[in-house]
Amino acid sequence: MGDPALFDTICITAAFFGIASVLVLSVLYLERFG
């Protein structure tokens, strides 16, 4: 369907942003309600 390396890069980037957004949201939640 495409370049496997490009697909791996997209998956890694998506996972990284997902984890980062969860960390940021958890920090904001703790600061607001903690």
N, C-alpha and C. Protein backbone atom coordinates (compact mmCIF):
# COMPACT_ATOMS: atom_id res chain seq x y z
N MET A 1 0.84 -1.21 0.00
CA MET A 1 0.00 0.00 0.00
C MET A 1 0.87 1.25 0.00
N GLY A 2 2.07 1.11 0.54
CA GLY A 2 2.95 2.27 0.61
C GLY A 2 4.30 1.84 1.14
N ASP A 3 5.11 2.79 1.52
CA ASP A 3 6.43 2.48 2.05
C ASP A 3 6.30 1.99 3.49
N PRO A 4 6.77 0.78 3.80
CA PRO A 4 6.65 0.27 5.18
C PRO A 4 7.35 1.17 6.18
N ALA A 5 8.49 1.74 5.80
CA ALA A 5 9.22 2.62 6.72
C ALA A 5 8.37 3.86 7.03
N LEU A 6 7.70 4.40 6.02
CA LEU A 6 6.85 5.57 6.23
C LEU A 6 5.70 5.21 7.16
N PHE A 7 5.13 4.02 6.98
CA PHE A 7 4.03 3.58 7.84
C PHE A 7 4.52 3.45 9.28
N ASP A 8 5.72 2.88 9.47
CA ASP A 8 6.28 2.76 10.82
C ASP A 8 6.49 4.13 11.44
N THR A 9 6.99 5.07 10.65
CA THR A 9 7.23 6.42 11.17
C THR A 9 5.93 7.07 11.60
N ILE A 10 4.88 6.90 10.80
CA ILE A 10 3.58 7.49 11.14
C ILE A 10 3.04 6.86 12.42
N CYS A 11 3.18 5.54 12.55
CA CYS A 11 2.69 4.86 13.76
C CYS A 11 3.44 5.34 14.99
N ILE A 12 4.76 5.44 14.89
CA ILE A 12 5.56 5.88 16.03
C ILE A 12 5.20 7.31 16.40
N THR A 13 5.04 8.17 15.40
CA THR A 13 4.70 9.57 15.67
C THR A 13 3.32 9.68 16.32
N ALA A 14 2.36 8.91 15.81
CA ALA A 14 1.01 8.94 16.38
C ALA A 14 1.03 8.44 17.82
N ALA A 15 1.78 7.38 18.08
CA ALA A 15 1.86 6.85 19.44
C ALA A 15 2.53 7.87 20.36
N PHE A 16 3.58 8.53 19.87
CA PHE A 16 4.27 9.53 20.69
C PHE A 16 3.34 10.68 21.05
N PHE A 17 2.61 11.20 20.06
CA PHE A 17 1.70 12.31 20.34
C PHE A 17 0.55 11.87 21.24
N GLY A 18 0.11 10.64 21.09
CA GLY A 18 -0.95 10.13 21.95
C GLY A 18 -0.50 10.07 23.40
N ILE A 19 0.70 9.53 23.63
CA ILE A 19 1.23 9.44 25.00
C ILE A 19 1.46 10.84 25.56
N ALA A 20 2.02 11.73 24.75
CA ALA A 20 2.30 13.08 25.22
C ALA A 20 1.00 13.80 25.58
N SER A 21 -0.03 13.65 24.76
CA SER A 21 -1.30 14.33 25.06
C SER A 21 -1.93 13.77 26.33
N VAL A 22 -1.81 12.46 26.55
CA VAL A 22 -2.35 11.86 27.78
C VAL A 22 -1.60 12.40 28.99
N LEU A 23 -0.28 12.52 28.89
CA LEU A 23 0.50 13.05 30.01
C LEU A 23 0.10 14.50 30.30
N VAL A 24 -0.04 15.30 29.25
CA VAL A 24 -0.40 16.71 29.45
C VAL A 24 -1.79 16.82 30.08
N LEU A 25 -2.74 16.03 29.57
CA LEU A 25 -4.09 16.09 30.11
C LEU A 25 -4.12 15.63 31.57
N SER A 26 -3.33 14.60 31.90
CA SER A 26 -3.31 14.12 33.29
C SER A 26 -2.71 15.18 34.21
N VAL A 27 -1.67 15.88 33.74
CA VAL A 27 -1.07 16.93 34.56
C VAL A 27 -2.06 18.06 34.77
N LEU A 28 -2.75 18.48 33.70
CA LEU A 28 -3.73 19.55 33.84
C LEU A 28 -4.86 19.12 34.77
N TYR A 29 -5.28 17.87 34.67
CA TYR A 29 -6.36 17.36 35.53
C TYR A 29 -5.93 17.37 36.98
N LEU A 30 -4.70 16.93 37.25
CA LEU A 30 -4.22 16.90 38.63
C LEU A 30 -4.07 18.32 39.18
N GLU A 31 -3.60 19.24 38.34
CA GLU A 31 -3.43 20.62 38.82
C GLU A 31 -4.78 21.26 39.11
N ARG A 32 -5.80 20.89 38.34
CA ARG A 32 -7.11 21.51 38.53
C ARG A 32 -7.88 20.87 39.68
N PHE A 33 -7.84 19.54 39.78
CA PHE A 33 -8.68 18.84 40.76
C PHE A 33 -7.86 18.22 41.89
N GLY A 34 -6.53 18.26 41.80
CA GLY A 34 -5.70 17.60 42.79
C GLY A 34 -5.63 18.37 44.09
